PDB file of N, CA and C in Angstrom:
ATOM      1  N   MET A   1       1.557  -0.880   0.177  1.00  0.00           N
ATOM      2  CA  MET A   1      -0.170   0.135   0.095  1.00  0.00           C
ATOM      3  C   MET A   1       0.630   1.673   0.423  1.00  0.00           C
ATOM      4  N   LYS A   2       1.888   1.435   1.006  1.00  0.00           N
ATOM      5  CA  LYS A   2       2.936   2.292   0.843  1.00  0.00           C
ATOM      6  C   LYS A   2       3.299   2.834   0.214  1.00  0.00           C
ATOM      7  N   ASN A   3       4.026   1.357  -1.086  1.00  0.00           N
ATOM      8  CA  ASN A   3       4.640   1.465  -2.142  1.00  0.00           C
ATOM      9  C   ASN A   3       3.785   2.147  -3.393  1.00  0.00           C
ATOM     10  N   LEU A   4       2.046   2.075  -3.873  1.00  0.00           N
ATOM     11  CA  LEU A   4       1.571   2.503  -4.178  1.00  0.00           C
ATOM     12  C   LEU A   4       1.377   4.189  -4.333  1.00  0.00           C
ATOM     13  N   PHE A   5       0.943   4.024  -2.768  1.00  0.00           N
ATOM     14  CA  PHE A   5       0.856   5.750  -2.627  1.00  0.00           C
ATOM     15  C   PHE A   5       2.038   6.815  -3.094  1.00  0.00           C
ATOM     16  N   PHE A   6       3.577   6.229  -2.405  1.00  0.00           N
ATOM     17  CA  PHE A   6       4.752   6.679  -3.373  1.00  0.00           C
ATOM     18  C   PHE A   6       4.572   6.695  -5.075  1.00  0.00           C
ATOM     19  N   PHE A   7       4.350   5.471  -5.452  1.00  0.00           N
ATOM     20  CA  PHE A   7       4.621   5.495  -7.117  1.00  0.00           C
ATOM     21  C   PHE A   7       3.068   6.583  -7.497  1.00  0.00           C
ATOM     22  N   SER A   8       2.200   6.161  -7.239  1.00  0.00           N
ATOM     23  CA  SER A   8       1.177   7.533  -7.668  1.00  0.00           C
ATOM     24  C   SER A   8       1.590   8.737  -7.447  1.00  0.00           C
ATOM     25  N   ILE A   9       2.278   9.531  -6.225  1.00  0.00           N
ATOM     26  CA  ILE A   9       2.766  10.887  -6.071  1.00  0.00           C
ATOM     27  C   ILE A   9       4.114  11.340  -7.107  1.00  0.00           C
ATOM     28  N   ALA A  10       5.459   9.852  -7.322  1.00  0.00           N
ATOM     29  CA  ALA A  10       6.107   9.632  -8.141  1.00  0.00           C
ATOM     30  C   ALA A  10       5.230  10.300  -9.908  1.00  0.00           C
ATOM     31  N   ALA A  11       3.885   9.245  -9.601  1.00  0.00           N
ATOM     32  CA  ALA A  11       4.146   9.534 -11.936  1.00  0.00           C
ATOM     33  C   ALA A  11       2.953  10.670 -11.483  1.00  0.00           C
ATOM     34  N   PHE A  12       2.821  11.461 -10.513  1.00  0.00           N
ATOM     35  CA  PHE A  12       2.163  13.285 -11.460  1.00  0.00           C
ATOM     36  C   PHE A  12       3.359  14.075 -10.610  1.00  0.00           C
ATOM     37  N   LEU A  13       4.410  14.243 -10.937  1.00  0.00           N
ATOM     38  CA  LEU A  13       5.347  14.666  -9.984  1.00  0.00           C
ATOM     39  C   LEU A  13       5.511  14.500 -11.989  1.00  0.00           C
ATOM     40  N   ILE A  14       6.057  13.317 -11.982  1.00  0.00           N
ATOM     41  CA  ILE A  14       6.576  12.905 -13.461  1.00  0.00           C
ATOM     42  C   ILE A  14       5.919  14.189 -14.521  1.00  0.00           C
ATOM     43  N   SER A  15       4.739  13.847 -14.238  1.00  0.00           N
ATOM     44  CA  SER A  15       2.837  14.581 -15.240  1.00  0.00           C
ATOM     45  C   SER A  15       3.700  16.247 -15.412  1.00  0.00           C
ATOM     46  N   CYS A  16       3.757  16.088 -13.753  1.00  0.00           N
ATOM     47  CA  CYS A  16       3.519  17.415 -13.959  1.00  0.00           C
ATOM     48  C   CYS A  16       5.030  18.618 -14.539  1.00  0.00           C
ATOM     49  N   SER A  17       5.524  17.490 -14.482  1.00  0.00           N
ATOM     50  CA  SER A  17       7.755  17.811 -14.800  1.00  0.00           C
ATOM     51  C   SER A  17       7.230  17.938 -15.716  1.00  0.00           C
ATOM     52  N   ALA A  18       6.459  17.518 -16.515  1.00  0.00           N
ATOM     53  CA  ALA A  18       6.775  17.164 -18.231  1.00  0.00           C
ATOM     54  C   ALA A  18       4.853  18.996 -18.756  1.00  0.00           C
ATOM     55  N   ASN A  19       4.508  18.279 -18.069  1.00  0.00           N
ATOM     56  CA  ASN A  19       3.793  19.918 -18.454  1.00  0.00           C
ATOM     57  C   ASN A  19       4.451  21.307 -18.451  1.00  0.00           C
ATOM     58  N   ALA A  20       5.165  20.679 -17.860  1.00  0.00           N
ATOM     59  CA  ALA A  20       5.751  22.020 -17.043  1.00  0.00           C
ATOM     60  C   ALA A  20       7.042  22.609 -17.733  1.00  0.00           C
ATOM     61  N   GLN A  21       7.585  22.301 -18.629  1.00  0.00           N
ATOM     62  CA  GLN A  21       8.955  22.375 -19.693  1.00  0.00           C
ATOM     63  C   GLN A  21       8.536  23.906 -20.485  1.00  0.00           C
ATOM     64  N   LYS A  22      10.495  24.309 -20.135  1.00  0.00           N
ATOM     65  CA  LYS A  22      10.763  24.955 -20.394  1.00  0.00           C
ATOM     66  C   LYS A  22      10.652  25.241 -22.688  1.00  0.00           C
ATOM     67  N   PRO A  23      10.843  26.269 -23.019  1.00  0.00           N
ATOM     68  CA  PRO A  23      11.568  26.162 -24.710  1.00  0.00           C
ATOM     69  C   PRO A  23      12.536  26.255 -25.035  1.00  0.00           C
ATOM     70  N   THR A  24      12.641  25.959 -25.797  1.00  0.00           N
ATOM     71  CA  THR A  24      14.092  26.160 -26.704  1.00  0.00           C
ATOM     72  C   THR A  24      14.430  26.436 -27.821  1.00  0.00           C
ATOM     73  N   LYS A  25      15.487  27.634 -28.009  1.00  0.00           N
ATOM     74  CA  LYS A  25      15.432  28.048 -28.959  1.00  0.00           C
ATOM     75  C   LYS A  25      14.866  27.746 -30.356  1.00  0.00           C
ATOM     76  N   ASP A  26      15.242  26.680 -30.211  1.00  0.00           N
ATOM     77  CA  ASP A  26      14.749  25.246 -31.611  1.00  0.00           C
ATOM     78  C   ASP A  26      13.318  25.724 -31.718  1.00  0.00           C
ATOM     79  N   ASP A  27      12.545  25.354 -30.499  1.00  0.00           N
ATOM     80  CA  ASP A  27      11.006  25.295 -30.227  1.00  0.00           C
ATOM     81  C   ASP A  27      10.483  26.634 -30.872  1.00  0.00           C
ATOM     82  N   VAL A  28      11.462  27.825 -30.466  1.00  0.00           N
ATOM     83  CA  VAL A  28      10.257  29.172 -30.337  1.00  0.00           C
ATOM     84  C   VAL A  28      11.209  29.290 -32.100  1.00  0.00           C
ATOM     85  N   THR A  29      11.869  28.443 -32.990  1.00  0.00           N
ATOM     86  CA  THR A  29      12.032  29.143 -33.878  1.00  0.00           C
ATOM     87  C   THR A  29      10.897  28.567 -34.737  1.00  0.00           C
ATOM     88  N   ARG A  30      10.856  27.137 -34.380  1.00  0.00           N
ATOM     89  CA  ARG A  30      10.085  26.682 -35.302  1.00  0.00           C
ATOM     90  C   ARG A  30       9.131  27.382 -34.867  1.00  0.00           C
ATOM     91  N   SER A  31       8.102  27.678 -34.534  1.00  0.00           N
ATOM     92  CA  SER A  31       7.388  27.904 -33.824  1.00  0.00           C
ATOM     93  C   SER A  31       6.455  28.870 -34.647  1.00  0.00           C
ATOM     94  N   LEU A  32       7.983  30.108 -34.275  1.00  0.00           N
ATOM     95  CA  LEU A  32       7.533  32.055 -35.236  1.00  0.00           C
ATOM     96  C   LEU A  32       7.784  30.968 -36.630  1.00  0.00           C
ATOM     97  N   LYS A  33       8.762  30.702 -37.079  1.00  0.00           N
ATOM     98  CA  LYS A  33       8.267  30.438 -38.811  1.00  0.00           C
ATOM     99  C   LYS A  33       6.610  29.521 -39.339  1.00  0.00           C
ATOM    100  N   ALA A  34       6.632  28.541 -38.113  1.00  0.00           N
ATOM    101  CA  ALA A  34       5.326  28.024 -38.634  1.00  0.00           C
ATOM    102  C   ALA A  34       4.156  28.882 -38.722  1.00  0.00           C
ATOM    103  N   ASP A  35       3.969  30.144 -37.492  1.00  0.00           N
ATOM    104  CA  ASP A  35       3.312  31.489 -37.436  1.00  0.00           C
ATOM    105  C   ASP A  35       3.805  32.243 -38.973  1.00  0.00           C
ATOM    106  N   TRP A  36       5.091  32.768 -38.978  1.00  0.00           N
ATOM    107  CA  TRP A  36       4.940  33.527 -39.900  1.00  0.00           C
ATOM    108  C   TRP A  36       5.331  34.058 -41.222  1.00  0.00           C
ATOM    109  N   GLU A  37       5.756  32.462 -41.742  1.00  0.00           N
ATOM    110  CA  GLU A  37       6.405  32.365 -43.130  1.00  0.00           C
ATOM    111  C   GLU A  37       5.012  31.736 -44.295  1.00  0.00           C
ATOM    112  N   LYS A  38       5.230  32.198 -45.243  1.00  0.00           N
ATOM    113  CA  LYS A  38       4.011  31.650 -46.378  1.00  0.00           C
ATOM    114  C   LYS A  38       4.162  32.374 -47.536  1.00  0.00           C
ATOM    115  N   ALA A  39       3.910  31.423 -48.093  1.00  0.00           N
ATOM    116  CA  ALA A  39       4.065  30.188 -49.728  1.00  0.00           C
ATOM    117  C   ALA A  39       3.576  31.772 -50.044  1.00  0.00           C
ATOM    118  N   ALA A  40       4.133  32.152 -51.151  1.00  0.00           N
ATOM    119  CA  ALA A  40       3.315  33.134 -52.417  1.00  0.00           C
ATOM    120  C   ALA A  40       1.848  32.282 -53.162  1.00  0.00           C
ATOM    121  N   THR A  41       0.917  33.918 -53.398  1.00  0.00           N
ATOM    122  CA  THR A  41      -0.166  33.272 -53.757  1.00  0.00           C
ATOM    123  C   THR A  41      -0.196  35.013 -54.598  1.00  0.00           C
ATOM    124  N   SER A  42      -1.827  34.660 -54.925  1.00  0.00           N
ATOM    125  CA  SER A  42      -1.926  35.835 -56.273  1.00  0.00           C
ATOM    126  C   SER A  42      -1.996  36.934 -56.012  1.00  0.00           C
ATOM    127  N   LEU A  43      -2.487  36.920 -54.854  1.00  0.00           N
ATOM    128  CA  LEU A  43      -3.021  38.204 -54.264  1.00  0.00           C
ATOM    129  C   LEU A  43      -1.170  38.512 -52.797  1.00  0.00           C
ATOM    130  N   SER A  44      -1.038  38.072 -52.716  1.00  0.00           N
ATOM    131  CA  SER A  44       0.426  38.213 -52.344  1.00  0.00           C
ATOM    132  C   SER A  44       1.559  37.480 -51.761  1.00  0.00           C
ATOM    133  N   PRO A  45       3.359  37.994 -51.976  1.00  0.00           N
ATOM    134  CA  PRO A  45       4.278  37.389 -52.208  1.00  0.00           C
ATOM    135  C   PRO A  45       4.188  36.290 -51.445  1.00  0.00           C
ATOM    136  N   LYS A  46       5.386  35.644 -51.677  1.00  0.00           N
ATOM    137  CA  LYS A  46       6.284  34.739 -49.763  1.00  0.00           C
ATOM    138  C   LYS A  46       7.602  35.152 -49.083  1.00  0.00           C
ATOM    139  N   LYS A  47       6.819  34.981 -47.457  1.00  0.00           N
ATOM    140  CA  LYS A  47       7.541  35.431 -46.691  1.00  0.00           C
ATOM    141  C   LYS A  47       8.220  34.577 -45.744  1.00  0.00           C
ATOM    142  N   THR A  48       9.432  34.986 -45.874  1.00  0.00           N
ATOM    143  CA  THR A  48      10.299  33.967 -44.638  1.00  0.00           C
ATOM    144  C   THR A  48      10.617  35.014 -43.282  1.00  0.00           C
ATOM    145  N   VAL A  49      11.371  33.633 -42.255  1.00  0.00           N
ATOM    146  CA  VAL A  49      11.964  34.537 -41.201  1.00  0.00           C
ATOM    147  C   VAL A  49      13.411  33.948 -41.391  1.00  0.00           C
ATOM    148  N   THR A  50      14.011  34.966 -40.623  1.00  0.00           N
ATOM    149  CA  THR A  50      15.355  34.469 -39.953  1.00  0.00           C
ATOM    150  C   THR A  50      15.943  35.091 -39.210  1.00  0.00           C
ATOM    151  N   VAL A  51      15.953  34.105 -37.722  1.00  0.00           N
ATOM    152  CA  VAL A  51      15.891  34.682 -37.082  1.00  0.00           C
ATOM    153  C   VAL A  51      17.369  34.994 -36.058  1.00  0.00           C
ATOM    154  N   ASN A  52      17.326  36.260 -35.555  1.00  0.00           N
ATOM    155  CA  ASN A  52      18.579  36.594 -35.387  1.00  0.00           C
ATOM    156  C   ASN A  52      19.470  36.473 -34.001  1.00  0.00           C
ATOM    157  N   ASP A  53      18.332  36.505 -33.000  1.00  0.00           N
ATOM    158  CA  ASP A  53      18.217  36.077 -31.566  1.00  0.00           C
ATOM    159  C   ASP A  53      17.200  35.877 -30.573  1.00  0.00           C
ATOM    160  N   ILE A  54      18.028  35.194 -29.647  1.00  0.00           N
ATOM    161  CA  ILE A  54      16.599  34.662 -28.492  1.00  0.00           C
ATOM    162  C   ILE A  54      16.895  35.055 -27.417  1.00  0.00           C
ATOM    163  N   LYS A  55      16.320  35.820 -26.553  1.00  0.00           N
ATOM    164  CA  LYS A  55      16.768  36.070 -25.486  1.00  0.00           C
ATOM    165  C   LYS A  55      15.239  35.704 -24.415  1.00  0.00           C
ATOM    166  N   PHE A  56      14.965  34.296 -23.756  1.00  0.00           N
ATOM    167  CA  PHE A  56      14.269  34.333 -22.635  1.00  0.00           C
ATOM    168  C   PHE A  56      14.978  34.514 -20.831  1.00  0.00           C
ATOM    169  N   GLY A  57      13.288  34.760 -20.454  1.00  0.00           N
ATOM    170  CA  GLY A  57      13.080  35.762 -19.424  1.00  0.00           C
ATOM    171  C   GLY A  57      13.563  34.802 -18.433  1.00  0.00           C
ATOM    172  N   THR A  58      12.670  35.044 -17.269  1.00  0.00           N
ATOM    173  CA  THR A  58      11.714  34.428 -16.382  1.00  0.00           C
ATOM    174  C   THR A  58      10.846  32.837 -16.735  1.00  0.00           C
ATOM    175  N   SER A  59       9.661  32.898 -16.084  1.00  0.00           N
ATOM    176  CA  SER A  59       8.471  31.958 -16.095  1.00  0.00           C
ATOM    177  C   SER A  59       8.138  31.825 -14.545  1.00  0.00           C
ATOM    178  N   GLU A  60       6.605  31.462 -14.975  1.00  0.00           N
ATOM    179  CA  GLU A  60       5.587  31.299 -14.346  1.00  0.00           C
ATOM    180  C   GLU A  60       4.313  31.175 -14.765  1.00  0.00           C
ATOM    181  N   LYS A  61       3.723  30.109 -14.150  1.00  0.00           N
ATOM    182  CA  LYS A  61       2.629  29.758 -14.561  1.00  0.00           C
ATOM    183  C   LYS A  61       1.526  30.749 -14.522  1.00  0.00           C
ATOM    184  N   SER A  62       0.987  30.357 -15.964  1.00  0.00           N
ATOM    185  CA  SER A  62      -0.178  31.460 -16.334  1.00  0.00           C
ATOM    186  C   SER A  62      -1.133  31.754 -15.370  1.00  0.00           C
ATOM    187  N   ASN A  63      -1.721  33.047 -15.329  1.00  0.00           N
ATOM    188  CA  ASN A  63      -2.352  33.967 -14.507  1.00  0.00           C
ATOM    189  C   ASN A  63      -4.095  33.678 -14.368  1.00  0.00           C
ATOM    190  N   TYR A  64      -4.429  34.846 -14.266  1.00  0.00           N
ATOM    191  CA  TYR A  64      -6.481  34.501 -14.301  1.00  0.00           C
ATOM    192  C   TYR A  64      -6.040  36.039 -16.100  1.00  0.00           C
ATOM    193  N   ALA A  65      -5.338  36.331 -15.836  1.00  0.00           N
ATOM    194  CA  ALA A  65      -5.345  37.798 -16.717  1.00  0.00           C
ATOM    195  C   ALA A  65      -4.821  36.949 -19.057  1.00  0.00           C
ATOM    196  N   GLN A  66      -4.032  36.214 -18.565  1.00  0.00           N
ATOM    197  CA  GLN A  66      -3.161  35.604 -19.527  1.00  0.00           C
ATOM    198  C   GLN A  66      -4.215  34.935 -20.052  1.00  0.00           C
ATOM    199  N   GLN A  67      -4.624  34.109 -19.063  1.00  0.00           N
ATOM    200  CA  GLN A  67      -5.566  32.745 -19.105  1.00  0.00           C
ATOM    201  C   GLN A  67      -6.777  33.290 -20.260  1.00  0.00           C
ATOM    202  N   LEU A  68      -7.036  34.965 -19.728  1.00  0.00           N
ATOM    203  CA  LEU A  68      -8.208  35.301 -20.806  1.00  0.00           C
ATOM    204  C   LEU A  68      -8.052  36.095 -22.050  1.00  0.00           C
ATOM    205  N   GLU A  69      -6.396  36.164 -22.007  1.00  0.00           N
ATOM    206  CA  GLU A  69      -5.574  36.092 -23.314  1.00  0.00           C
ATOM    207  C   GLU A  69      -5.829  34.986 -24.167  1.00  0.00           C
ATOM    208  N   GLY A  70      -5.809  34.001 -23.595  1.00  0.00           N
ATOM    209  CA  GLY A  70      -5.799  32.369 -24.321  1.00  0.00           C
ATOM    210  C   GLY A  70      -4.902  31.526 -24.313  1.00  0.00           C
ATOM    211  N   VAL A  71      -4.460  31.652 -22.946  1.00  0.00           N
ATOM    212  CA  VAL A  71      -3.070  31.174 -22.987  1.00  0.00           C
ATOM    213  C   VAL A  71      -3.577  29.558 -21.912  1.00  0.00           C
ATOM    214  N   PRO A  72      -4.044  28.998 -21.722  1.00  0.00           N
ATOM    215  CA  PRO A  72      -4.315  27.280 -21.247  1.00  0.00           C
ATOM    216  C   PRO A  72      -4.091  27.773 -19.818  1.00  0.00           C
ATOM    217  N   LYS A  73      -5.084  27.272 -18.771  1.00  0.00           N
ATOM    218  CA  LYS A  73      -4.751  27.682 -17.505  1.00  0.00           C
ATOM    219  C   LYS A  73      -4.143  26.469 -17.077  1.00  0.00           C
ATOM    220  N   GLY A  74      -2.807  26.937 -16.103  1.00  0.00           N
ATOM    221  CA  GLY A  74      -1.566  26.006 -15.639  1.00  0.00           C
ATOM    222  C   GLY A  74      -0.829  26.039 -16.397  1.00  0.00           C
ATOM    223  N   ALA A  75      -0.844  26.623 -17.440  1.00  0.00           N
ATOM    224  CA  ALA A  75       0.384  26.457 -18.619  1.00  0.00           C
ATOM    225  C   ALA A  75       1.318  27.571 -18.300  1.00  0.00           C
ATOM    226  N   LEU A  76       2.930  26.667 -18.174  1.00  0.00           N
ATOM    227  CA  LEU A  76       3.664  27.996 -17.835  1.00  0.00           C
ATOM    228  C   LEU A  76       4.280  28.699 -19.157  1.00  0.00           C
ATOM    229  N   ILE A  77       4.747  29.604 -18.864  1.00  0.00           N
ATOM    230  CA  ILE A  77       4.593  31.015 -19.753  1.00  0.00           C
ATOM    231  C   ILE A  77       6.106  31.470 -19.362  1.00  0.00           C
ATOM    232  N   THR A  78       6.881  31.804 -20.513  1.00  0.00           N
ATOM    233  CA  THR A  78       7.851  31.532 -20.751  1.00  0.00           C
ATOM    234  C   THR A  78       8.257  32.853 -21.029  1.00  0.00           C
ATOM    235  N   ASN A  79       8.858  34.004 -20.616  1.00  0.00           N
ATOM    236  CA  ASN A  79       9.188  35.041 -21.338  1.00  0.00           C
ATOM    237  C   ASN A  79      10.073  34.864 -22.366  1.00  0.00           C
ATOM    238  N   ALA A  80       9.994  35.638 -23.361  1.00  0.00           N
ATOM    239  CA  ALA A  80      11.176  35.821 -24.426  1.00  0.00           C
ATOM    240  C   ALA A  80      10.995  37.074 -25.015  1.00  0.00           C
ATOM    241  N   LYS A  81      12.133  37.804 -25.328  1.00  0.00           N
ATOM    242  CA  LYS A  81      12.941  38.568 -26.859  1.00  0.00           C
ATOM    243  C   LYS A  81      13.621  37.612 -28.158  1.00  0.00           C
ATOM    244  N   ILE A  82      12.423  38.073 -28.644  1.00  0.00           N
ATOM    245  CA  ILE A  82      12.834  37.273 -30.057  1.00  0.00           C
ATOM    246  C   ILE A  82      12.879  38.015 -31.229  1.00  0.00           C
ATOM    247  N   ASP A  83      14.441  38.087 -31.659  1.00  0.00           N
ATOM    248  CA  ASP A  83      14.687  39.651 -32.560  1.00  0.00           C
ATOM    249  C   ASP A  83      14.789  38.612 -33.713  1.00  0.00           C
ATOM    250  N   PHE A  84      14.290  38.531 -35.563  1.00  0.00           N
ATOM    251  CA  PHE A  84      13.834  38.531 -36.411  1.00  0.00           C
ATOM    252  C   PHE A  84      13.610  39.290 -37.555  1.00  0.00           C
ATOM    253  N   THR A  85      14.018  38.794 -38.527  1.00  0.00           N
ATOM    254  CA  THR A  85      13.699  39.106 -40.228  1.00  0.00           C
ATOM    255  C   THR A  85      12.389  38.607 -40.912  1.00  0.00           C
ATOM    256  N   GLU A  86      12.204  39.703 -40.955  1.00  0.00           N
ATOM    257  CA  GLU A  86      11.303  38.984 -42.210  1.00  0.00           C
ATOM    258  C   GLU A  86      11.258  39.317 -43.687  1.00  0.00           C
ATOM    259  N   ASN A  87      11.502  38.149 -44.291  1.00  0.00           N
ATOM    260  CA  ASN A  87      11.620  38.601 -45.614  1.00  0.00           C
ATOM    261  C   ASN A  87      10.618  38.300 -46.726  1.00  0.00           C
ATOM    262  N   THR A  88      10.736  39.102 -47.502  1.00  0.00           N
ATOM    263  CA  THR A  88       9.124  39.638 -48.007  1.00  0.00           C
ATOM    264  C   THR A  88       9.943  39.712 -49.580  1.00  0.00           C
ATOM    265  N   PHE A  89       9.272  38.262 -50.395  1.00  0.00           N
ATOM    266  CA  PHE A  89       9.835  38.533 -52.148  1.00  0.00           C
ATOM    267  C   PHE A  89       9.160  38.759 -52.733  1.00  0.00           C
ATOM    268  N   TYR A  90       9.121  40.321 -53.621  1.00  0.00           N
ATOM    269  CA  TYR A  90       8.168  40.882 -54.903  1.00  0.00           C
ATOM    270  C   TYR A  90       8.975  40.444 -55.626  1.00  0.00           C
ATOM    271  N   ASP A  91       7.895  40.782 -56.631  1.00  0.00           N
ATOM    272  CA  ASP A  91       8.650  40.133 -58.047  1.00  0.00           C
ATOM    273  C   ASP A  91       9.825  41.420 -58.402  1.00  0.00           C
ATOM    274  N   LYS A  92       9.687  42.509 -57.968  1.00  0.00           N
ATOM    275  CA  LYS A  92      11.698  43.119 -58.334  1.00  0.00           C
ATOM    276  C   LYS A  92      12.655  43.278 -57.272  1.00  0.00           C
ATOM    277  N   GLU A  93      12.567  42.500 -56.127  1.00  0.00           N
ATOM    278  CA  GLU A  93      13.187  43.254 -55.220  1.00  0.00           C
ATOM    279  C   GLU A  93      12.707  42.578 -53.849  1.00  0.00           C
ATOM    280  N   THR A  94      13.918  41.969 -52.675  1.00  0.00           N
ATOM    281  CA  THR A  94      13.498  41.844 -51.397  1.00  0.00           C
ATOM    282  C   THR A  94      13.266  42.571 -50.414  1.00  0.00           C
ATOM    283  N   GLN A  95      12.149  42.945 -49.653  1.00  0.00           N
ATOM    284  CA  GLN A  95      12.726  43.650 -48.813  1.00  0.00           C
ATOM    285  C   GLN A  95      12.426  42.848 -47.221  1.00  0.00           C
ATOM    286  N   HIS A  96      13.519  43.005 -46.319  1.00  0.00           N
ATOM    287  CA  HIS A  96      13.696  42.589 -44.768  1.00  0.00           C
ATOM    288  C   HIS A  96      13.148  43.819 -43.685  1.00  0.00           C
ATOM    289  N   THR A  97      12.653  43.495 -42.983  1.00  0.00           N
ATOM    290  CA  THR A  97      11.800  44.251 -41.566  1.00  0.00           C
ATOM    291  C   THR A  97      12.200  43.411 -41.252  1.00  0.00           C
ATOM    292  N   ARG A  98      13.278  44.321 -40.047  1.00  0.00           N
ATOM    293  CA  ARG A  98      14.016  43.485 -38.338  1.00  0.00           C
ATOM    294  C   ARG A  98      12.996  43.418 -37.545  1.00  0.00           C
ATOM    295  N   ARG A  99      12.192  42.510 -36.849  1.00  0.00           N
ATOM    296  CA  ARG A  99      11.369  42.912 -36.048  1.00  0.00           C
ATOM    297  C   ARG A  99      11.776  42.410 -34.185  1.00  0.00           C
ATOM    298  N   ILE A 100      12.271  43.296 -33.791  1.00  0.00           N
ATOM    299  CA  ILE A 100      11.963  42.384 -31.950  1.00  0.00           C
ATOM    300  C   ILE A 100      11.015  42.583 -31.262  1.00  0.00           C
ATOM    301  N   MET A 101      10.392  41.591 -30.834  1.00  0.00           N
ATOM    302  CA  MET A 101       9.055  40.728 -30.268  1.00  0.00           C
ATOM    303  C   MET A 101       9.186  40.874 -29.094  1.00  0.00           C
ATOM    304  N   THR A 102       8.793  40.731 -27.875  1.00  0.00           N
ATOM    305  CA  THR A 102       8.484  40.527 -26.278  1.00  0.00           C
ATOM    306  C   THR A 102       7.641  39.584 -26.408  1.00  0.00           C
ATOM    307  N   ALA A 103       7.460  38.401 -26.033  1.00  0.00           N
ATOM    308  CA  ALA A 103       6.454  37.023 -25.930  1.00  0.00           C
ATOM    309  C   ALA A 103       6.320  36.892 -24.820  1.00  0.00           C
ATOM    310  N   TRP A 104       4.937  35.899 -24.867  1.00  0.00           N
ATOM    311  CA  TRP A 104       4.981  34.752 -23.963  1.00  0.00           C
ATOM    312  C   TRP A 104       4.971  33.363 -24.645  1.00  0.00           C
ATOM    313  N   VAL A 105       5.977  32.627 -24.949  1.00  0.00           N
ATOM    314  CA  VAL A 105       6.155  31.310 -24.638  1.00  0.00           C
ATOM    315  C   VAL A 105       5.544  29.936 -23.658  1.00  0.00           C
ATOM    316  N   TYR A 106       5.096  29.583 -24.799  1.00  0.00           N
ATOM    317  CA  TYR A 106       4.332  28.220 -23.990  1.00  0.00           C
ATOM    318  C   TYR A 106       3.115  27.634 -24.779  1.00  0.00           C
ATOM    319  N   LYS A 107       3.212  26.513 -24.027  1.00  0.00           N
ATOM    320  CA  LYS A 107       2.799  24.885 -24.857  1.00  0.00           C
ATOM    321  C   LYS A 107       0.427  25.265 -24.869  1.00  0.00           C
ATOM    322  N   ASN A 108       0.398  25.200 -25.932  1.00  0.00           N
ATOM    323  CA  ASN A 108      -1.019  25.206 -26.386  1.00  0.00           C
ATOM    324  C   ASN A 108      -1.714  24.032 -25.625  1.00  0.00           C
ATOM    325  N   ALA A 109      -3.298  24.288 -25.412  1.00  0.00           N
ATOM    326  CA  ALA A 109      -4.164  23.482 -25.407  1.00  0.00           C
ATOM    327  C   ALA A 109      -3.997  22.234 -26.057  1.00  0.00           C
ATOM    328  N   PHE A 110      -3.126  21.818 -27.586  1.00  0.00           N
ATOM    329  CA  PHE A 110      -2.755  21.268 -27.948  1.00  0.00           C
ATOM    330  C   PHE A 110      -1.311  20.325 -28.204  1.00  0.00           C
ATOM    331  N   GLY A 111      -0.734  21.028 -27.438  1.00  0.00           N
ATOM    332  CA  GLY A 111       0.866  20.613 -26.593  1.00  0.00           C
ATOM    333  C   GLY A 111       1.835  21.073 -27.324  1.00  0.00           C
ATOM    334  N   GLU A 112       1.576  21.768 -28.488  1.00  0.00           N
ATOM    335  CA  GLU A 112       2.317  22.814 -29.440  1.00  0.00           C
ATOM    336  C   GLU A 112       2.782  23.868 -28.224  1.00  0.00           C
ATOM    337  N   TRP A 113       4.251  24.139 -29.301  1.00  0.00           N
ATOM    338  CA  TRP A 113       4.573  25.254 -28.607  1.00  0.00           C
ATOM    339  C   TRP A 113       4.031  26.765 -29.055  1.00  0.00           C
ATOM    340  N   ALA A 114       3.646  27.679 -28.427  1.00  0.00           N
ATOM    341  CA  ALA A 114       2.633  29.236 -29.036  1.00  0.00           C
ATOM    342  C   ALA A 114       3.310  29.901 -28.883  1.00  0.00           C
ATOM    343  N   ILE A 115       3.414  31.586 -29.417  1.00  0.00           N
ATOM    344  CA  ILE A 115       4.246  32.468 -29.460  1.00  0.00           C
ATOM    345  C   ILE A 115       2.714  33.529 -28.875  1.00  0.00           C
ATOM    346  N   MET A 116       2.786  34.206 -27.552  1.00  0.00           N
ATOM    347  CA  MET A 116       1.681  35.288 -27.730  1.00  0.00           C
ATOM    348  C   MET A 116       2.010  36.665 -28.011  1.00  0.00           C
ATOM    349  N   ASN A 117       2.486  37.436 -28.472  1.00  0.00           N
ATOM    350  CA  ASN A 117       2.851  38.438 -29.291  1.00  0.00           C
ATOM    351  C   ASN A 117       2.674  39.770 -28.040  1.00  0.00           C
ATOM    352  N   THR A 118       3.214  40.336 -27.191  1.00  0.00           N
ATOM    353  CA  THR A 118       2.717  40.689 -25.821  1.00  0.00           C
ATOM    354  C   THR A 118       3.122  42.857 -26.449  1.00  0.00           C
ATOM    355  N   TYR A 119       4.846  42.524 -26.960  1.00  0.00           N
ATOM    356  CA  TYR A 119       5.209  43.398 -27.663  1.00  0.00           C
ATOM    357  C   TYR A 119       5.957  43.850 -29.258  1.00  0.00           C
ATOM    358  N   ILE A 120       6.150  44.912 -29.441  1.00  0.00           N
ATOM    359  CA  ILE A 120       7.000  44.681 -31.497  1.00  0.00           C
ATOM    360  C   ILE A 120       7.721  45.741 -31.578  1.00  0.00           C
ATOM    361  N   SER A 121       8.749  45.509 -31.568  1.00  0.00           N
ATOM    362  CA  SER A 121       9.021  47.383 -32.172  1.00  0.00           C
ATOM    363  C   SER A 121       9.945  47.218 -33.488  1.00  0.00           C
ATOM    364  N   TYR A 122      10.435  47.999 -34.237  1.00  0.00           N
ATOM    365  CA  TYR A 122      11.087  48.162 -35.482  1.00  0.00           C
ATOM    366  C   TYR A 122      11.658  48.584 -35.040  1.00  0.00           C
ATOM    367  N   PRO A 123      12.893  47.894 -34.534  1.00  0.00           N
ATOM    368  CA  PRO A 123      14.781  49.286 -34.510  1.00  0.00           C
ATOM    369  C   PRO A 123      14.861  49.618 -35.995  1.00  0.00           C
ATOM    370  N   GLY A 124      15.592  50.718 -36.402  1.00  0.00           N
ATOM    371  CA  GLY A 124      16.655  51.008 -37.518  1.00  0.00           C
ATOM    372  C   GLY A 124      14.978  50.843 -39.386  1.00  0.00           C
ATOM    373  N   ASN A 125      14.215  50.484 -39.117  1.00  0.00           N
ATOM    374  CA  ASN A 125      13.082  50.719 -40.516  1.00  0.00           C
ATOM    375  C   ASN A 125      12.302  51.979 -40.415  1.00  0.00           C
TER     376      ASN A 125
END
C-alpha cells in the first residue's frame, strides 16, 4: 500500500514536470516560422523569417489575465525577446523588415509551442 502511494505521487510529479517544460531556441524558431512564413499566392508575396537572436526571461504559471488572452490554465509561460527579420519576396526586390518581439512562449491546448506577441518594435526601419 505504501509503495502504491509513493508510486502515485512520483507519477504525478513526473507528469507535472513534463507539462512545465521550458522552450528551447529551436522550439521558438519552429513556432515563429510556422506562424510567420507564408508561400506566395496570387495576392501576396512569399514571406520567410530569419531569427537573429532569442533571449529567455523568467517563467511562471499562467495567471487569470493571461488565461483571458487565451493561454491555457496552468500553462508555464516563459518570457522571450525574439529578434528576427521578415523577408518579403516581391517580383523586383526583397524587403527585409527587422522586428524585436517580446512574447509569452507556452504550450497551447494541443501540446504545441505557441508564441503570443506582447509587444513589437521595429529598430532601424
